[in-house]
Amino acid sequence: MSRAGRRRPVRRGGSTARAERGTVTVELALAIPAVVLLLAIALAAGAAAVAQIGCADAARAASRAAALGQDPAAIADQVTARLGPGAGVSLSAQGDLLRVTVTRPAPAGVARWVGARSISATAVAACEPFRGCGQ
């Protein structure tokens, strides 16, 4: 048989392995920043959720205190104690209902990723009969 008619054996792991050397490093270098970005977004979302729950809890407690006739300054102090400095409270009466809106600055990560400057929650409580909200 002549040399031209012979088939060459297929090499496995030879030149192909040499050509792919370092690809895992490149793939890892591209994947790590994506994973870090996803982790940062998840942490910012978690911080936003915790801040929202804190606002809702403070609004609920403030509306109950207002329905019981507590002084608005004392209510504002309670909200500030729960949420920290920068928290704001607005009270309004609508018939026999008291509406309390609590606002606080957004956590730094949330403001950066989402663009929200503040987080707020509103709670409504019925006035106690002895208080007379609409009067």
C-alpha atoms as a PDB file:
ATOM      1  CA  MET A   1       0.000   0.000   0.000  1.00  0.00           C
ATOM      2  CA  SER A   2       1.313   3.367  -0.868  1.00  0.00           C
ATOM      3  CA  ARG A   3       1.763   6.175   1.572  1.00  0.00           C
ATOM      4  CA  ALA A   4      -0.912   8.245  -0.105  1.00  0.00           C
ATOM      5  CA  GLY A   5      -3.553   5.565   0.436  1.00  0.00           C
ATOM      6  CA  ARG A   6      -2.979   5.181   4.153  1.00  0.00           C
ATOM      7  CA  ARG A   7      -5.193   6.979   6.558  1.00  0.00           C
ATOM      8  CA  ARG A   8      -3.726   8.935   9.338  1.00  0.00           C
ATOM      9  CA  PRO A   9      -4.871   7.991  12.825  1.00  0.00           C
ATOM     10  CA  VAL A  10      -6.943  10.675  14.557  1.00  0.00           C
ATOM     11  CA  ARG A  11      -5.161  12.189  17.505  1.00  0.00           C
ATOM     12  CA  ARG A  12      -7.148  12.824  20.614  1.00  0.00           C
ATOM     13  CA  GLY A  13      -5.978  15.350  23.176  1.00  0.00           C
ATOM     14  CA  GLY A  14      -2.986  16.461  21.185  1.00  0.00           C
ATOM     15  CA  SER A  15      -3.166  19.735  19.320  1.00  0.00           C
ATOM     16  CA  THR A  16      -6.786  20.373  20.348  1.00  0.00           C
ATOM     17  CA  ALA A  17      -5.863  20.410  24.039  1.00  0.00           C
ATOM     18  CA  ARG A  18      -3.057  22.829  23.321  1.00  0.00           C
ATOM     19  CA  ALA A  19      -5.428  25.162  21.471  1.00  0.00           C
ATOM     20  CA  GLU A  20      -7.956  25.177  24.318  1.00  0.00           C
ATOM     21  CA  ARG A  21      -5.409  25.815  27.020  1.00  0.00           C
ATOM     22  CA  GLY A  22      -6.543  28.774  29.204  1.00  0.00           C
ATOM     23  CA  THR A  23     -10.194  28.809  28.134  1.00  0.00           C
ATOM     24  CA  VAL A  24     -11.375  27.846  31.618  1.00  0.00           C
ATOM     25  CA  THR A  25      -9.506  30.838  33.022  1.00  0.00           C
ATOM     26  CA  VAL A  26     -11.136  33.169  30.517  1.00  0.00           C
ATOM     27  CA  GLU A  27     -14.595  31.735  31.161  1.00  0.00           C
ATOM     28  CA  LEU A  28     -14.093  32.078  34.893  1.00  0.00           C
ATOM     29  CA  ALA A  29     -12.840  35.637  34.495  1.00  0.00           C
ATOM     30  CA  LEU A  30     -16.032  36.468  32.593  1.00  0.00           C
ATOM     31  CA  ALA A  31     -18.382  34.588  34.924  1.00  0.00           C
ATOM     32  CA  ILE A  32     -17.159  35.930  38.284  1.00  0.00           C
ATOM     33  CA  PRO A  33     -18.169  39.591  37.657  1.00  0.00           C
ATOM     34  CA  ALA A  34     -21.615  38.429  36.493  1.00  0.00           C
ATOM     35  CA  VAL A  35     -22.071  36.396  39.673  1.00  0.00           C
ATOM     36  CA  VAL A  36     -20.892  39.318  41.823  1.00  0.00           C
ATOM     37  CA  LEU A  37     -23.325  41.645  40.029  1.00  0.00           C
ATOM     38  CA  LEU A  38     -26.227  39.250  40.622  1.00  0.00           C
ATOM     39  CA  LEU A  39     -25.249  38.958  44.285  1.00  0.00           C
ATOM     40  CA  ALA A  40     -25.161  42.746  44.656  1.00  0.00           C
ATOM     41  CA  ILE A  41     -28.604  43.066  43.061  1.00  0.00           C
ATOM     42  CA  ALA A  42     -29.985  40.364  45.359  1.00  0.00           C
ATOM     43  CA  LEU A  43     -28.551  42.093  48.427  1.00  0.00           C
ATOM     44  CA  ALA A  44     -29.987  45.456  47.336  1.00  0.00           C
ATOM     45  CA  ALA A  45     -33.397  43.854  46.794  1.00  0.00           C
ATOM     46  CA  GLY A  46     -33.190  42.275  50.247  1.00  0.00           C
ATOM     47  CA  ALA A  47     -32.299  45.617  51.822  1.00  0.00           C
ATOM     48  CA  ALA A  48     -35.247  47.244  50.040  1.00  0.00           C
ATOM     49  CA  ALA A  49     -37.595  44.529  51.283  1.00  0.00           C
ATOM     50  CA  VAL A  50     -36.384  44.890  54.875  1.00  0.00           C
ATOM     51  CA  ALA A  51     -36.758  48.688  54.686  1.00  0.00           C
ATOM     52  CA  GLN A  52     -40.281  48.359  53.244  1.00  0.00           C
ATOM     53  CA  ILE A  53     -41.334  45.936  55.978  1.00  0.00           C
ATOM     54  CA  GLY A  54     -39.894  48.289  58.608  1.00  0.00           C
ATOM     55  CA  CYS A  55     -41.853  51.201  57.129  1.00  0.00           C
ATOM     56  CA  ALA A  56     -45.077  49.196  57.051  1.00  0.00           C
ATOM     57  CA  ASP A  57     -44.594  48.098  60.664  1.00  0.00           C
ATOM     58  CA  ALA A  58     -43.869  51.653  61.819  1.00  0.00           C
ATOM     59  CA  ALA A  59     -46.909  52.990  59.908  1.00  0.00           C
ATOM     60  CA  ARG A  60     -49.144  50.353  61.488  1.00  0.00           C
ATOM     61  CA  ALA A  61     -47.932  51.153  64.992  1.00  0.00           C
ATOM     62  CA  ALA A  62     -48.207  54.901  64.367  1.00  0.00           C
ATOM     63  CA  SER A  63     -51.764  54.626  63.024  1.00  0.00           C
ATOM     64  CA  ARG A  64     -52.819  52.591  66.052  1.00  0.00           C
ATOM     65  CA  ALA A  65     -51.225  55.123  68.410  1.00  0.00           C
ATOM     66  CA  ALA A  66     -52.955  57.984  66.560  1.00  0.00           C
ATOM     67  CA  ALA A  67     -56.297  56.170  66.754  1.00  0.00           C
ATOM     68  CA  LEU A  68     -55.845  55.906  70.515  1.00  0.00           C
ATOM     69  CA  GLY A  69     -55.318  59.663  70.726  1.00  0.00           C
ATOM     70  CA  GLN A  70     -51.565  59.877  71.206  1.00  0.00           C
ATOM     71  CA  ASP A  71     -49.863  63.203  70.545  1.00  0.00           C
ATOM     72  CA  PRO A  72     -48.519  63.580  66.959  1.00  0.00           C
ATOM     73  CA  ALA A  73     -45.091  64.623  68.280  1.00  0.00           C
ATOM     74  CA  ALA A  74     -44.883  61.437  70.352  1.00  0.00           C
ATOM     75  CA  ILE A  75     -45.905  59.414  67.302  1.00  0.00           C
ATOM     76  CA  ALA A  76     -43.144  61.049  65.245  1.00  0.00           C
ATOM     77  CA  ASP A  77     -40.649  60.223  68.012  1.00  0.00           C
ATOM     78  CA  GLN A  78     -41.760  56.568  67.972  1.00  0.00           C
ATOM     79  CA  VAL A  79     -41.313  56.358  64.198  1.00  0.00           C
ATOM     80  CA  THR A  80     -37.871  57.967  64.414  1.00  0.00           C
ATOM     81  CA  ALA A  81     -36.909  55.493  67.144  1.00  0.00           C
ATOM     82  CA  ARG A  82     -37.994  52.579  64.916  1.00  0.00           C
ATOM     83  CA  LEU A  83     -36.583  53.756  61.588  1.00  0.00           C
ATOM     84  CA  GLY A  84     -33.767  56.102  62.537  1.00  0.00           C
ATOM     85  CA  PRO A  85     -33.105  59.724  61.687  1.00  0.00           C
ATOM     86  CA  GLY A  86     -34.571  61.013  58.456  1.00  0.00           C
ATOM     87  CA  ALA A  87     -37.890  59.204  58.874  1.00  0.00           C
ATOM     88  CA  GLY A  88     -40.969  61.327  58.329  1.00  0.00           C
ATOM     89  CA  VAL A  89     -44.596  60.948  59.388  1.00  0.00           C
ATOM     90  CA  SER A  90     -47.746  62.537  58.016  1.00  0.00           C
ATOM     91  CA  LEU A  91     -51.133  62.161  59.715  1.00  0.00           C
ATOM     92  CA  SER A  92     -54.506  62.881  58.160  1.00  0.00           C
ATOM     93  CA  ALA A  93     -58.072  62.278  59.305  1.00  0.00           C
ATOM     94  CA  GLN A  94     -60.816  61.291  56.882  1.00  0.00           C
ATOM     95  CA  GLY A  95     -64.080  60.906  58.728  1.00  0.00           C
ATOM     96  CA  ASP A  96     -63.609  58.155  61.296  1.00  0.00           C
ATOM     97  CA  LEU A  97     -60.372  56.963  59.748  1.00  0.00           C
ATOM     98  CA  LEU A  98     -56.817  58.069  60.450  1.00  0.00           C
ATOM     99  CA  ARG A  99     -54.286  57.694  57.654  1.00  0.00           C
ATOM    100  CA  VAL A 100     -50.596  57.618  58.602  1.00  0.00           C
ATOM    101  CA  THR A 101     -47.850  57.688  55.969  1.00  0.00           C
ATOM    102  CA  VAL A 102     -44.293  56.921  57.028  1.00  0.00           C
ATOM    103  CA  THR A 103     -41.353  57.771  54.771  1.00  0.00           C
ATOM    104  CA  ARG A 104     -37.675  56.989  55.227  1.00  0.00           C
ATOM    105  CA  PRO A 105     -34.583  57.358  53.056  1.00  0.00           C
ATOM    106  CA  ALA A 106     -33.803  54.311  50.951  1.00  0.00           C
ATOM    107  CA  PRO A 107     -30.722  52.274  51.876  1.00  0.00           C
ATOM    108  CA  ALA A 108     -27.652  53.301  49.873  1.00  0.00           C
ATOM    109  CA  GLY A 109     -27.554  50.135  47.760  1.00  0.00           C
ATOM    110  CA  VAL A 110     -31.208  50.469  46.830  1.00  0.00           C
ATOM    111  CA  ALA A 111     -30.834  54.113  45.819  1.00  0.00           C
ATOM    112  CA  ARG A 112     -27.878  53.204  43.616  1.00  0.00           C
ATOM    113  CA  TRP A 113     -29.399  50.149  41.905  1.00  0.00           C
ATOM    114  CA  VAL A 114     -33.078  51.031  41.704  1.00  0.00           C
ATOM    115  CA  GLY A 115     -32.985  54.808  41.785  1.00  0.00           C
ATOM    116  CA  ALA A 116     -35.471  55.069  44.668  1.00  0.00           C
ATOM    117  CA  ARG A 117     -34.652  57.927  47.015  1.00  0.00           C
ATOM    118  CA  SER A 118     -37.201  57.044  49.693  1.00  0.00           C
ATOM    119  CA  ILE A 119     -39.392  54.191  50.838  1.00  0.00           C
ATOM    120  CA  SER A 120     -42.850  54.782  52.266  1.00  0.00           C
ATOM    121  CA  ALA A 121     -45.809  52.897  53.664  1.00  0.00           C
ATOM    122  CA  THR A 122     -49.330  53.932  54.599  1.00  0.00           C
ATOM    123  CA  ALA A 123     -51.604  52.489  57.268  1.00  0.00           C
ATOM    124  CA  VAL A 124     -55.195  53.330  58.137  1.00  0.00           C
ATOM    125  CA  ALA A 125     -56.859  52.830  61.519  1.00  0.00           C
ATOM    126  CA  ALA A 126     -60.386  53.507  62.697  1.00  0.00           C
ATOM    127  CA  CYS A 127     -60.668  56.142  65.415  1.00  0.00           C
ATOM    128  CA  GLU A 128     -61.597  54.943  68.843  1.00  0.00           C
ATOM    129  CA  PRO A 129     -65.117  56.085  69.745  1.00  0.00           C
ATOM    130  CA  PHE A 130     -63.951  58.259  72.644  1.00  0.00           C
ATOM    131  CA  ARG A 131     -61.450  60.177  70.527  1.00  0.00           C
ATOM    132  CA  GLY A 132     -63.706  61.691  67.853  1.00  0.00           C
ATOM    133  CA  CYS A 133     -61.370  62.000  64.847  1.00  0.00           C
ATOM    134  CA  GLY A 134     -63.738  63.875  62.554  1.00  0.00           C
ATOM    135  CA  GLN A 135     -64.418  66.657  65.046  1.00  0.00           C
END
